[in-house]
Protein backbone atom coordinates (compact mmCIF):
# COMPACT_ATOMS: atom_id res chain seq x y z
CA MET A 1 20.46 22.40 -46.85
CA GLU A 2 21.73 25.39 -44.88
CA ASP A 3 21.52 23.35 -41.67
CA LEU A 4 23.64 20.59 -43.20
CA GLN A 5 26.26 23.06 -44.43
CA GLN A 6 26.38 24.69 -40.99
CA ILE A 7 27.12 21.31 -39.40
CA LEU A 8 30.07 20.84 -41.77
CA ASN A 9 31.39 24.24 -40.73
CA GLU A 10 30.96 23.62 -36.99
CA TYR A 11 32.23 20.03 -36.80
CA PRO A 12 35.35 19.54 -38.90
CA SER A 13 36.93 16.22 -39.73
CA PRO A 14 39.09 14.64 -38.31
CA VAL A 15 38.40 16.31 -34.96
CA PHE A 16 34.80 15.09 -34.56
CA PHE A 17 34.62 12.53 -37.39
CA LYS A 18 36.88 10.48 -39.59
CA GLU A 19 34.80 11.80 -42.46
CA LEU A 20 31.74 13.99 -42.84
CA SER A 21 30.58 15.15 -46.25
CA LEU A 22 27.51 16.81 -47.71
CA ILE A 23 25.72 14.90 -50.46
CA ARG A 24 23.51 17.32 -52.37
CA SER A 25 20.31 16.42 -54.17
CA ASN A 26 20.43 17.25 -57.87
CA ASN A 27 17.40 19.52 -57.86
CA ASP A 28 14.26 20.53 -55.99
CA ILE A 29 12.10 18.00 -57.84
CA GLU A 30 14.20 15.13 -56.51
CA SER A 31 13.87 16.60 -53.01
CA ILE A 32 10.09 16.55 -53.32
CA VAL A 33 10.01 12.85 -54.24
CA GLY A 34 12.33 11.86 -51.42
CA ASN A 35 15.87 12.16 -52.75
CA LYS A 36 17.14 14.93 -50.53
CA SER A 37 20.49 16.22 -49.41
CA TYR A 38 22.15 14.50 -46.47
CA LEU A 39 25.42 14.10 -44.59
CA LYS A 40 27.51 11.00 -45.16
CA CYS A 41 29.22 10.16 -41.88
CA LEU A 42 32.09 7.96 -40.77
CA THR A 43 32.48 8.25 -37.00
CA LEU A 44 35.70 8.01 -35.04
CA GLU A 45 34.59 4.45 -34.19
CA SER A 46 34.28 3.70 -37.94
CA LYS A 47 30.46 3.52 -37.93
CA LYS A 48 28.99 4.50 -41.31
CA PHE A 49 25.59 6.11 -41.74
CA ASN A 50 23.76 8.91 -43.47
CA ILE A 51 22.25 11.81 -41.54
CA TYR A 52 19.05 13.52 -42.61
CA ILE A 53 16.98 16.41 -41.31
CA SER A 54 13.21 16.59 -41.60
CA GLU A 55 10.32 18.44 -40.04
CA ASP A 56 10.39 15.83 -37.27
CA GLY A 57 14.08 16.36 -36.46
CA TRP A 58 17.47 14.80 -37.18
CA TYR A 59 17.78 11.08 -37.91
CA SER A 60 20.37 8.61 -39.15
CA ILE A 61 20.19 5.52 -41.32
CA PRO A 62 23.07 3.03 -41.40
CA ILE A 63 24.46 2.84 -44.93
CA ASP A 64 23.95 -0.92 -45.12
CA LEU A 65 20.30 -0.53 -44.03
CA GLU A 66 19.26 2.36 -46.28
CA THR A 67 15.76 0.91 -46.69
CA SER A 68 15.18 0.78 -42.94
CA LYS A 69 11.74 2.06 -41.97
CA GLU A 70 12.52 2.55 -38.27
CA ARG A 71 13.66 6.05 -37.40
CA ARG A 72 14.35 7.77 -34.15
CA TYR A 73 14.24 11.55 -34.39
CA TYR A 74 16.37 13.94 -32.34
CA PRO A 75 15.77 17.66 -31.79
CA THR A 76 19.40 18.58 -32.54
CA PHE A 77 22.33 17.24 -34.52
CA GLU A 78 24.35 17.05 -31.31
CA SER A 79 21.79 14.91 -29.51
CA LEU A 80 21.74 12.50 -32.46
CA MET A 81 25.52 12.25 -32.60
CA LYS A 82 25.90 11.80 -28.86
CA GLN A 83 23.72 8.68 -29.21
CA GLU A 84 25.55 7.40 -32.29
CA SER A 85 29.14 8.02 -31.23
CA SER A 86 30.64 7.98 -27.74
CA LYS A 87 33.83 9.51 -29.15
CA PHE A 88 31.86 12.41 -30.64
CA ASN A 89 30.37 12.91 -27.18
CA ASP A 90 33.83 12.90 -25.58
CA VAL A 91 35.25 15.42 -28.07
CA TRP A 92 32.14 17.62 -27.86
CA ASN A 93 32.34 17.73 -24.05
CA LYS A 94 36.06 18.53 -24.16
CA LYS A 95 35.55 21.36 -26.67
CA PHE A 96 32.64 22.73 -24.65
CA LEU A 97 34.74 22.83 -21.46
CA GLU A 98 37.54 24.57 -23.37
CA MET A 99 35.09 27.23 -24.52
CA LEU A 100 33.83 27.72 -20.96
CA ASN A 101 37.39 28.05 -19.67
CA ASP A 102 38.14 30.66 -22.33
CA ILE A 103 35.19 32.73 -21.14
CA THR A 104 36.29 32.77 -17.49
């Protein structure tokens, strides 16, 4: 859950997303049986999906395909989002270059 909260802090809406919100599980017992906390995402391209983190990495499931069994795992949130959203990638690269310019 801390990782999900950190993402909300690092990537504010509407800069990186139209909407990004944390959906918390009600309790630890629900987390054990599979109902865990996740991020509800609406990209700048208006794609909707939920983002989860597991021992295998970060993954997304389109909201209209919540029962989908196929998952591709990514080592970082950023690598997942760069695949899901070209506009996220553009904004991320721009912000990264700004940070580098501030250092020099």
